[in-house]
């Protein structure tokens, strides 16, 4: 048992190091194509220097002079906090919306899901601009400003609109998945047996169906994370959030880009591995 655990830990460490090296190799590609020529020597030298800097966490700078760690870590935690809040809100609202559809609009679920699909086809950037425009219109028409439309320093931080913009695509995606999975479960034999035993619909939904589909939802976790990370870039830029994505846009640098990718990669890699270990132990 101990030997198996040690091998699993070694495998995880090797996978993580391989992932970090892959970011370094890909992130250094601009050096290879510098000045429209192939600078092979400079490319491999960049990989070597960047590998040493990242694994030793020394001499990491952006703009060639400013120390990276103090500037990056705070913004990284801010971006992760924004992601975490949006993910929690999106999951809760998606389950609530799915319950309403299943309990009260079962006969119209196909129309509702089709409508959600139409909404999902609208670009995320358009939603963000519409939200901002709506708040501005209300302010000009009624003189009421109930949310901040963009961040203007530490005293005027935009919170609600970025969270809505970041969580809305996930709410729509998860609602579609949850509703479809619930109705798939409701057609299975064990549900028919539970109905024959006189168990209530609400009890079966909460203690059998949701528990069974939760394992399937974990398989969509990677998709959700990538959706949110891609949306986070636009959210931080449009709402001027002082996060790591916007910091990368303002300070274009190979070192900064690679180190930022590794920072985002690390917690999600650990979460994926923990989920895999839990799944295999069941």
Protein backbone atom coordinates (compact mmCIF):
# COMPACT_ATOMS: atom_id res chain seq x y z
CA UNK A 1 0.00 0.00 0.00
CA UNK A 2 2.83 2.40 0.94
CA UNK A 3 4.72 1.51 -2.22
CA UNK A 4 1.64 2.12 -4.37
CA UNK A 5 1.05 5.48 -2.68
CA UNK A 6 4.68 6.49 -3.24
CA UNK A 7 4.48 5.55 -6.93
CA UNK A 8 1.25 7.56 -7.31
CA UNK A 9 2.86 10.60 -5.66
CA UNK A 10 5.94 10.26 -7.88
CA UNK A 11 3.70 10.02 -10.94
CA UNK A 12 1.85 13.21 -9.93
CA UNK A 13 5.14 15.07 -9.38
CA UNK A 14 6.47 13.97 -12.78
CA UNK A 15 3.20 15.02 -14.46
CA UNK A 16 3.37 18.43 -12.78
CA UNK A 17 7.00 19.01 -13.78
CA UNK A 18 6.18 17.93 -17.35
CA UNK A 19 3.31 20.43 -17.40
CA UNK A 20 5.55 23.25 -16.15
CA UNK A 21 8.22 22.42 -18.75
CA UNK A 22 5.56 22.38 -21.47
CA UNK A 23 4.50 25.91 -20.52
CA UNK A 24 8.14 27.02 -20.64
CA UNK A 25 8.72 25.44 -24.06
CA UNK A 26 5.53 26.89 -25.57
CA UNK A 27 5.87 30.25 -23.83
CA UNK A 28 9.39 30.74 -25.22
CA UNK A 29 8.23 30.37 -28.84
CA UNK A 30 8.21 34.17 -29.45
CA UNK A 31 12.00 34.07 -28.92
CA UNK A 32 12.33 31.42 -31.62
CA UNK A 33 10.45 33.59 -34.14
CA UNK A 34 12.07 36.88 -33.17
CA UNK A 35 12.49 39.45 -35.99
CA UNK A 36 10.87 37.06 -38.51
CA UNK A 37 13.85 34.69 -38.33
CA UNK A 38 14.47 31.38 -36.56
CA UNK A 39 16.68 32.12 -33.54
CA UNK A 40 17.19 28.50 -32.44
CA UNK A 41 20.13 29.26 -30.15
CA UNK A 42 18.23 32.08 -28.44
CA UNK A 43 15.17 29.84 -28.07
CA UNK A 44 16.99 27.05 -26.25
CA UNK A 45 18.91 29.58 -24.17
CA UNK A 46 15.59 31.18 -23.19
CA UNK A 47 14.18 27.78 -22.17
CA UNK A 48 17.26 27.10 -20.05
CA UNK A 49 17.23 30.48 -18.31
CA UNK A 50 13.48 30.46 -17.75
CA UNK A 51 13.57 26.91 -16.33
CA UNK A 52 16.24 27.90 -13.81
CA UNK A 53 14.38 31.07 -12.83
CA UNK A 54 11.02 29.35 -12.35
CA UNK A 55 12.25 26.29 -10.47
CA UNK A 56 14.44 28.46 -8.20
CA UNK A 57 11.96 31.39 -8.07
CA UNK A 58 14.87 33.78 -8.46
CA UNK A 59 15.49 36.77 -10.79
CA UNK A 60 11.92 36.72 -12.09
CA UNK A 61 11.15 40.16 -13.50
CA UNK A 62 8.71 41.91 -15.82
CA UNK A 63 9.54 44.85 -18.07
CA UNK A 64 13.14 43.79 -17.59
CA UNK A 65 13.51 45.51 -14.22
CA UNK A 66 10.57 45.09 -11.81
CA UNK A 67 10.48 42.10 -9.45
CA UNK A 68 7.66 39.80 -10.53
CA UNK A 69 6.56 37.88 -7.42
CA UNK A 70 5.21 40.81 -5.33
CA UNK A 71 3.31 42.19 -8.34
CA UNK A 72 1.93 38.85 -9.54
CA UNK A 73 0.91 36.92 -6.42
CA UNK A 74 -1.61 39.48 -5.13
CA UNK A 75 -3.23 39.81 -8.54
CA UNK A 76 -3.29 36.01 -8.93
CA UNK A 77 -5.20 35.56 -5.67
CA UNK A 78 -7.59 38.33 -6.72
CA UNK A 79 -8.28 36.54 -10.02
CA UNK A 80 -8.72 33.21 -8.24
CA UNK A 81 -11.11 34.80 -5.72
CA UNK A 82 -13.16 36.19 -8.60
CA UNK A 83 -13.18 32.76 -10.28
CA UNK A 84 -14.17 31.00 -7.05
CA UNK A 85 -17.04 33.38 -6.30
CA UNK A 86 -18.34 33.12 -9.87
CA UNK A 87 -18.08 29.31 -9.88
CA UNK A 88 -19.94 28.99 -6.57
CA UNK A 89 -22.68 31.40 -7.69
CA UNK A 90 -23.00 29.73 -11.10
CA UNK A 91 -23.28 26.22 -9.60
CA UNK A 92 -25.90 27.27 -7.04
CA UNK A 93 -28.01 29.19 -9.56
CA UNK A 94 -27.73 26.41 -12.17
CA UNK A 95 -29.06 23.84 -9.68
CA UNK A 96 -31.84 26.22 -8.62
CA UNK A 97 -32.87 26.90 -12.22
CA UNK A 98 -32.69 23.17 -13.05
CA UNK A 99 -34.93 22.34 -10.08
CA UNK A 100 -37.50 24.91 -11.20
CA UNK A 101 -37.51 23.46 -14.74
CA UNK A 102 -37.80 19.85 -13.51
CA UNK A 103 -40.46 20.53 -10.86
CA UNK A 104 -42.66 23.10 -12.60
CA UNK A 105 -41.89 23.19 -16.33
CA UNK A 106 -41.31 19.56 -17.25
CA UNK A 107 -43.61 19.70 -20.29
CA UNK A 108 -41.89 22.83 -21.59
CA UNK A 109 -38.31 21.75 -20.87
CA UNK A 110 -37.45 21.28 -24.56
CA UNK A 111 -38.49 24.84 -25.36
CA UNK A 112 -36.60 26.20 -22.35
CA UNK A 113 -33.43 24.29 -23.24
CA UNK A 114 -33.67 25.50 -26.84
CA UNK A 115 -34.03 29.08 -25.59
CA UNK A 116 -30.98 28.62 -23.36
CA UNK A 117 -29.04 27.35 -26.38
CA UNK A 118 -29.97 30.52 -28.28
CA UNK A 119 -28.78 32.70 -25.39
CA UNK A 120 -25.52 30.74 -25.21
CA UNK A 121 -24.85 31.57 -28.86
CA UNK A 122 -24.63 35.28 -27.99
CA UNK A 123 -20.95 36.29 -27.57
CA UNK A 124 -19.83 36.88 -23.98
CA UNK A 125 -18.36 40.27 -24.86
CA UNK A 126 -21.75 41.45 -26.11
CA UNK A 127 -23.36 40.47 -22.80
CA UNK A 128 -20.74 42.47 -20.91
CA UNK A 129 -21.33 45.59 -22.98
CA UNK A 130 -25.11 45.18 -22.69
CA UNK A 131 -24.86 44.94 -18.90
CA UNK A 132 -22.75 48.08 -18.74
CA UNK A 133 -25.04 49.89 -21.18
CA UNK A 134 -28.11 48.86 -19.15
CA UNK A 135 -26.67 50.22 -15.90
CA UNK A 136 -25.66 53.48 -17.62
CA UNK A 137 -29.13 53.84 -19.18
CA UNK A 138 -30.83 53.35 -15.78
CA UNK A 139 -28.50 55.93 -14.24
CA UNK A 140 -29.19 58.50 -16.96
CA UNK A 141 -32.94 57.85 -16.97
CA UNK A 142 -33.69 57.50 -13.26
CA UNK A 143 -30.55 58.90 -11.63
CA UNK A 144 -29.94 55.62 -9.79
CA UNK A 145 -26.51 53.99 -9.83
CA UNK A 146 -26.85 50.64 -8.08
CA UNK A 147 -23.64 49.00 -9.31
CA UNK A 148 -20.18 50.07 -10.43
CA UNK A 149 -19.76 49.55 -14.18
CA UNK A 150 -15.94 49.54 -14.16
CA UNK A 151 -13.22 49.54 -11.52
CA UNK A 152 -11.68 52.94 -10.83
CA UNK A 153 -9.17 52.39 -8.05
CA UNK A 154 -9.50 50.53 -4.76
CA UNK A 155 -12.48 52.61 -3.59
CA UNK A 156 -14.59 52.03 -6.70
CA UNK A 157 -14.35 48.33 -7.52
CA UNK A 158 -16.75 46.70 -9.97
CA UNK A 159 -18.00 43.48 -8.37
CA UNK A 160 -21.52 42.49 -9.41
CA UNK A 161 -21.27 42.98 -13.18
CA UNK A 162 -17.98 41.03 -13.50
CA UNK A 163 -19.44 38.16 -11.46
CA UNK A 164 -22.58 38.08 -13.62
CA UNK A 165 -20.50 38.18 -16.81
CA UNK A 166 -18.21 35.40 -15.59
CA UNK A 167 -20.91 33.13 -14.19
CA UNK A 168 -23.64 33.54 -16.84
CA UNK A 169 -22.07 31.19 -19.46
CA UNK A 170 -21.52 28.56 -16.74
CA UNK A 171 -25.09 28.90 -15.43
CA UNK A 172 -26.50 28.28 -18.91
CA UNK A 173 -24.11 25.40 -19.66
CA UNK A 174 -24.65 23.65 -16.31
CA UNK A 175 -28.42 24.12 -16.46
CA UNK A 176 -28.56 22.31 -19.80
CA UNK A 177 -26.38 19.48 -18.53
CA UNK A 178 -28.16 19.08 -15.18
CA UNK A 179 -31.68 19.09 -16.66
CA UNK A 180 -30.79 16.53 -19.33
CA UNK A 181 -29.01 14.27 -16.81
CA UNK A 182 -31.90 14.48 -14.34
CA UNK A 183 -34.43 13.36 -16.94
CA UNK A 184 -32.08 10.57 -18.04
CA UNK A 185 -31.96 9.33 -14.44
CA UNK A 186 -35.72 9.62 -14.01
CA UNK A 187 -36.22 7.13 -16.85
CA UNK A 188 -34.06 4.44 -15.23
CA UNK A 189 -35.39 1.29 -13.58
CA UNK A 190 -34.42 2.17 -10.01
CA UNK A 191 -36.63 5.27 -10.18
CA UNK A 192 -39.59 3.17 -11.30
CA UNK A 193 -38.90 0.84 -8.37
CA UNK A 194 -38.70 3.80 -5.98
CA UNK A 195 -42.03 5.11 -7.29
CA UNK A 196 -43.57 1.67 -6.75
CA UNK A 197 -42.40 1.79 -3.12
CA UNK A 198 -44.23 5.07 -2.68
CA UNK A 199 -41.20 7.35 -2.32
CA UNK A 200 -41.96 11.01 -3.02
CA UNK A 201 -40.77 12.70 -6.21
CA UNK A 202 -38.85 15.32 -4.23
CA UNK A 203 -37.10 12.66 -2.13
CA UNK A 204 -36.03 10.68 -5.20
CA UNK A 205 -34.78 13.85 -6.86
CA UNK A 206 -32.64 14.94 -3.90
CA UNK A 207 -31.35 11.68 -2.49
CA UNK A 208 -30.99 9.51 -5.58
CA UNK A 209 -30.96 11.48 -8.82
CA UNK A 210 -28.76 14.41 -7.78
CA UNK A 211 -26.31 12.09 -6.03
CA UNK A 212 -25.97 9.96 -9.15
CA UNK A 213 -25.53 12.85 -11.59
CA UNK A 214 -22.94 14.56 -9.35
CA UNK A 215 -20.31 12.06 -10.53
CA UNK A 216 -21.12 12.87 -14.13
CA UNK A 217 -20.89 16.61 -13.45
CA UNK A 218 -17.31 16.20 -12.22
CA UNK A 219 -16.43 15.13 -15.76
CA UNK A 220 -17.44 18.60 -16.96
CA UNK A 221 -15.20 20.36 -14.44
CA UNK A 222 -12.33 20.83 -16.89
CA UNK A 223 -14.68 22.27 -19.50
CA UNK A 224 -16.11 24.70 -16.96
CA UNK A 225 -12.64 25.82 -15.82
CA UNK A 226 -11.45 26.50 -19.37
CA UNK A 227 -14.67 28.38 -20.15
CA UNK A 228 -14.20 30.57 -17.09
CA UNK A 229 -10.50 31.23 -17.69
CA UNK A 230 -11.14 32.31 -21.27
CA UNK A 231 -13.98 34.56 -20.13
CA UNK A 232 -11.88 35.97 -17.27
CA UNK A 233 -9.50 37.60 -19.76
CA UNK A 234 -12.34 39.64 -21.27
CA UNK A 235 -13.96 40.34 -17.88
CA UNK A 236 -10.78 41.78 -16.38
CA UNK A 237 -10.11 43.87 -19.48
CA UNK A 238 -13.63 45.25 -19.96
CA UNK A 239 -14.30 45.95 -16.27
CA UNK A 240 -10.70 47.04 -15.55
CA UNK A 241 -10.21 44.50 -12.75
CA UNK A 242 -6.75 44.51 -11.18
CA UNK A 243 -6.21 40.81 -11.79
CA UNK A 244 -3.44 38.74 -13.30
CA UNK A 245 -5.04 38.50 -16.75
CA UNK A 246 -5.18 42.28 -17.18
CA UNK A 247 -1.66 42.56 -15.76
CA UNK A 248 -0.42 40.27 -18.56
CA UNK A 249 -2.17 42.41 -21.17
CA UNK A 250 -0.54 45.57 -19.81
CA UNK A 251 2.94 44.05 -19.41
CA UNK A 252 3.66 41.68 -22.28
CA UNK A 253 6.57 39.45 -21.29
CA UNK A 254 7.59 35.83 -21.87
CA UNK A 255 8.57 35.37 -18.21
CA UNK A 256 5.34 36.91 -16.95
CA UNK A 257 3.14 34.91 -19.33
CA UNK A 258 4.78 31.57 -18.52
CA UNK A 259 4.81 32.16 -14.76
CA UNK A 260 1.15 33.27 -14.85
CA UNK A 261 0.16 30.12 -16.76
CA UNK A 262 1.97 27.98 -14.18
CA UNK A 263 0.21 29.78 -11.32
CA UNK A 264 -3.22 29.08 -12.82
CA UNK A 265 -2.19 25.54 -13.79
CA UNK A 266 -1.03 24.52 -10.30
CA UNK A 267 -4.27 24.63 -8.24
CA UNK A 268 -6.39 23.11 -11.00
CA UNK A 269 -3.83 20.36 -11.60
CA UNK A 270 -3.98 19.47 -7.90
CA UNK A 271 -7.78 19.49 -7.94
CA UNK A 272 -7.87 17.21 -11.01
CA UNK A 273 -5.45 14.75 -9.40
CA UNK A 274 -7.42 14.71 -6.13
CA UNK A 275 -10.63 14.02 -8.05
CA UNK A 276 -8.90 11.19 -9.93
CA UNK A 277 -7.60 9.67 -6.70
CA UNK A 278 -11.06 9.90 -5.10
CA UNK A 279 -12.68 8.35 -8.19
CA UNK A 280 -10.24 5.43 -8.24
CA UNK A 281 -10.62 4.80 -4.52
CA UNK A 282 -14.39 4.37 -4.79
